Amino acid sequence: MLDMFRYNWQVRDDWFEWCRELPAEELSKERTGGMGSILATLFHVAKGEQIWINQMQGTPVLIKEGVTTLEEAEGFTELTKPITEQFLQSWDEEKAGQTLTKKRRDGSDYVITYEKIIKHLISHEIHHIGQLSIWAREIGRKPVSSDLIFRDY
């Protein structure tokens, strides 16, 4: 599991680098889909990772409400990565089978395995990488390559 997070972090870092060439207005410009902007989407994937990992660890969730700069989004990512990495370094079948109980909007409980949460986090980021790629093309820029085959992670 950790190798897929490392892959996603590498792609995310490349997106941060890609974003440095854009004006701040372009990063926060309201767009259709995703979380509404490039900046909000990059922050959203790190925030989701942080919330779920901390819930599984039973540690306080360090929710940060929104960011206004690329540097803030990147800083939040860098704060989140080591927490996730430490959690996943001890990954085994026992941990994969552990569960977290959450409440649905209707008040009923649902139980989710840690394995499913981790798989969700991996696929969630990949989903948003696709959204960023679409927005890149819409503004006439080549998106970051997310080709797993040609990445060393």
Protein backbone atom coordinates (compact mmCIF):
# COMPACT_ATOMS: atom_id res chain seq x y z
CA MET A 1 0.00 0.00 0.00
CA LEU A 2 2.81 2.40 0.88
CA ASP A 3 4.24 2.19 -2.63
CA MET A 4 0.97 3.49 -4.11
CA PHE A 5 0.97 6.40 -1.68
CA ARG A 6 4.56 7.17 -2.65
CA TYR A 7 3.49 7.10 -6.30
CA ASN A 8 0.58 9.48 -5.57
CA TRP A 9 2.83 11.81 -3.55
CA GLN A 10 5.35 11.91 -6.37
CA VAL A 11 2.62 12.85 -8.86
CA ARG A 12 1.21 15.41 -6.41
CA ASP A 13 4.68 16.94 -5.97
CA ASP A 14 4.94 17.19 -9.75
CA TRP A 15 1.58 19.00 -9.80
CA PHE A 16 2.86 21.47 -7.21
CA GLU A 17 5.89 22.09 -9.42
CA TRP A 18 3.61 22.45 -12.47
CA CYS A 19 1.48 24.98 -10.57
CA ARG A 20 4.46 27.23 -9.81
CA GLU A 21 4.33 28.39 -13.43
CA LEU A 22 0.74 29.61 -13.10
CA PRO A 23 -0.45 32.92 -11.69
CA ALA A 24 -2.29 32.70 -8.35
CA GLU A 25 -5.53 33.76 -10.07
CA GLU A 26 -5.37 30.70 -12.34
CA LEU A 27 -4.81 28.37 -9.36
CA SER A 28 -7.85 29.66 -7.51
CA LYS A 29 -10.07 30.27 -10.56
CA GLU A 30 -13.49 28.63 -10.17
CA ARG A 31 -13.80 25.59 -12.45
CA THR A 32 -16.40 22.96 -13.20
CA GLY A 33 -15.94 19.69 -11.31
CA GLY A 34 -13.41 18.58 -8.74
CA MET A 35 -13.29 20.82 -5.71
CA GLY A 36 -13.84 23.92 -7.85
CA SER A 37 -10.24 25.03 -8.36
CA ILE A 38 -6.77 23.62 -8.87
CA LEU A 39 -5.61 24.88 -5.47
CA ALA A 40 -8.69 23.58 -3.61
CA THR A 41 -8.36 20.17 -5.27
CA LEU A 42 -4.68 19.77 -4.32
CA PHE A 43 -5.53 20.73 -0.73
CA HIS A 44 -8.58 18.45 -0.71
CA VAL A 45 -6.61 15.26 -1.43
CA ALA A 46 -4.13 15.97 1.38
CA LYS A 47 -6.94 16.90 3.76
CA GLY A 48 -8.85 13.69 3.00
CA GLU A 49 -5.70 11.64 3.55
CA GLN A 50 -5.00 13.37 6.84
CA ILE A 51 -8.55 12.97 8.15
CA TRP A 52 -8.82 9.24 7.39
CA ILE A 53 -5.31 8.32 8.59
CA ASN A 54 -5.74 10.18 11.86
CA GLN A 55 -9.15 8.58 12.42
CA MET A 56 -7.66 5.11 11.92
CA GLN A 57 -4.82 5.96 14.31
CA GLY A 58 -7.19 7.37 16.88
CA THR A 59 -5.26 10.63 16.88
CA PRO A 60 -6.73 14.12 16.67
CA VAL A 61 -7.72 15.20 13.19
CA LEU A 62 -5.72 18.28 12.22
CA ILE A 63 -8.38 19.83 10.05
CA LYS A 64 -7.28 22.97 8.30
CA GLU A 65 -10.05 24.90 6.61
CA GLY A 66 -9.00 25.87 3.14
CA VAL A 67 -5.82 27.39 1.87
CA THR A 68 -5.21 30.54 -0.11
CA THR A 69 -1.75 29.89 -1.53
CA LEU A 70 0.12 27.10 -3.24
CA GLU A 71 2.70 27.23 -0.47
CA GLU A 72 0.02 26.56 2.16
CA ALA A 73 -1.32 23.58 0.21
CA GLU A 74 2.15 22.18 -0.28
CA GLY A 75 3.02 22.74 3.40
CA PHE A 76 -0.11 20.87 4.47
CA THR A 77 0.85 18.00 2.16
CA GLU A 78 4.33 17.88 3.67
CA LEU A 79 2.81 17.81 7.17
CA THR A 80 0.52 14.93 6.21
CA LYS A 81 2.96 12.64 4.35
CA PRO A 82 5.09 11.49 7.32
CA ILE A 83 2.00 10.72 9.40
CA THR A 84 0.65 8.52 6.61
CA GLU A 85 4.02 6.92 5.92
CA GLN A 86 4.52 6.01 9.57
CA PHE A 87 1.02 4.51 9.73
CA LEU A 88 1.60 2.42 6.59
CA GLN A 89 5.08 1.19 7.55
CA SER A 90 3.44 -1.16 10.02
CA TRP A 91 0.77 -2.31 7.53
CA ASP A 92 -0.11 -5.99 7.75
CA GLU A 93 -3.14 -8.26 7.38
CA GLU A 94 -4.21 -7.61 10.95
CA LYS A 95 -4.26 -3.86 10.41
CA ALA A 96 -6.00 -4.30 7.04
CA GLY A 97 -8.85 -6.10 8.78
CA GLN A 98 -9.36 -3.54 11.53
CA THR A 99 -12.51 -1.47 11.23
CA LEU A 100 -13.75 2.04 11.77
CA THR A 101 -17.39 2.72 12.55
CA LYS A 102 -18.86 5.86 10.99
CA LYS A 103 -22.29 7.45 11.02
CA ARG A 104 -24.35 7.88 7.88
CA ARG A 105 -26.33 11.07 7.40
CA ASP A 106 -29.45 9.19 8.52
CA GLY A 107 -27.76 8.36 11.84
CA SER A 108 -27.19 4.67 11.18
CA ASP A 109 -23.75 3.13 11.56
CA TYR A 110 -21.60 1.63 8.87
CA VAL A 111 -18.39 -0.29 9.39
CA ILE A 112 -15.46 0.05 7.03
CA THR A 113 -12.18 -1.87 7.03
CA TYR A 114 -8.88 -0.06 7.13
CA GLU A 115 -7.99 -1.82 3.89
CA LYS A 116 -10.99 -0.30 2.14
CA ILE A 117 -10.17 3.15 3.53
CA ILE A 118 -6.59 2.92 2.25
CA LYS A 119 -7.77 1.75 -1.17
CA HIS A 120 -10.25 4.64 -1.21
CA LEU A 121 -7.50 7.16 -0.44
CA ILE A 122 -5.35 5.80 -3.26
CA SER A 123 -8.16 5.85 -5.83
CA HIS A 124 -9.47 9.20 -4.56
CA GLU A 125 -6.19 10.92 -5.36
CA ILE A 126 -5.95 9.22 -8.76
CA HIS A 127 -9.48 10.46 -9.51
CA HIS A 128 -8.48 14.04 -8.71
CA ILE A 129 -5.26 13.73 -10.74
CA GLY A 130 -7.56 13.11 -13.71
CA GLN A 131 -9.53 16.25 -12.90
CA LEU A 132 -6.34 18.32 -12.74
CA SER A 133 -5.29 16.87 -16.10
CA ILE A 134 -8.55 17.96 -17.71
CA TRP A 135 -8.19 21.48 -16.32
CA ALA A 136 -4.58 21.64 -17.54
CA ARG A 137 -5.70 20.88 -21.08
CA GLU A 138 -8.54 23.41 -20.80
CA ILE A 139 -5.99 26.15 -20.18
CA GLY A 140 -3.73 24.91 -22.97
CA ARG A 141 -1.04 23.32 -20.81
CA LYS A 142 0.35 19.81 -20.87
CA PRO A 143 -0.66 17.93 -17.69
CA VAL A 144 1.71 16.12 -15.38
CA SER A 145 2.35 12.55 -16.49
CA SER A 146 0.83 10.08 -14.06
CA ASP A 147 2.12 7.03 -15.93
CA LEU A 148 2.95 4.54 -13.19
CA ILE A 149 5.05 2.36 -15.52
CA PHE A 150 7.69 5.04 -16.02
CA ARG A 151 7.92 6.26 -12.44
CA ASP A 152 10.32 5.12 -9.73
CA TYR A 153 8.63 5.52 -6.38
